[in-house]
Amino acid sequence: MSTTTQRVAIVTGASKGIGKALALRLAKDGVAVVVNYASSQAAADEVVRDIEAAGGKAIAVKADVGTSSGVIALFDAAERSFGGIDILVNNAGVMKLSPLTETSDETFEQHLTINLAGTFYGIREAGKRLRDGGRIINFSSSVVGMYGPGYGPYAASKAGVEAMTHVASKELGKRKITVNAVAPGPVETELFMNGKSEELVQNIIRNIPLGRLGQPDDIAAVVSFLASPESGWVNGQVLRANGGMI
């Protein structure tokens, strides 16, 4: 990882929720951040303003990470603005729950396109363009291992992310690029809370030994470590940040 220039990170899906917390934490760590978004320009611009107000550097870039052309354009924008890239955080994702027998083709394909293909495109581009010693941090889920009803397409897409993480860590190790994944448990975000009753949320909390939902900053702290020079001996791992529920 470069030590003579400021490190640069791309965070996909960084306009809100966990992605926003990741962008703010990396900026706090002294990293220049590319805040990727798909549609929420106002929210992404607000993240950039927050980073700049704290003395950091950031840009917002609209790109569809579910397409290879969108990912290439995202990396191009990062290089134009900051000269190089050291860290990729593949955070963008979708989660729509339904029993397998009631899941539409469109919903299934959306999970594969954004969660799985988006991560693949990111890894592929990062493997070509990250500076030596860089970091790739993918997002899985603690649903992988729990396999609860309703999570079929989501769990399948995230299991694929974990498989690619292990493979990429072996392929990119010769350039001292580490590839790891974070697998959060229930985190109190709009994505997680949407459509859930208070009774369901409390039932979920009862299954978490630490007795609470995770917060975006909990996950940002994990990513901060994996993105740092101090994590150089951690490679090909899936870190399950879930309060001990699995």
Foldseek 3Di string as FASTA:
>chain_A
DDDVFAAEEEQAPQLDFLNVLLQQLVLVVRYEYEREDAPCPVSSVVSQVVSVVVPGHYDYDYFQLLDLVRLVVSQVVRCVVGVAHFEYELDDAAFDFDAPVPDDPVNLVRRCSRLASSLVSNLVVCLVTHQQLGEYEYEAAPCQVVVDGRRVSNNVRRVNVLVVQLVSLVVSVVSLYAGEYEHEYAEPTCRRPPPDDPVRLQVSLVLAVVRDGHYSNLVSVVVSCRRDPNCSVDHSYYHYHYNPSD
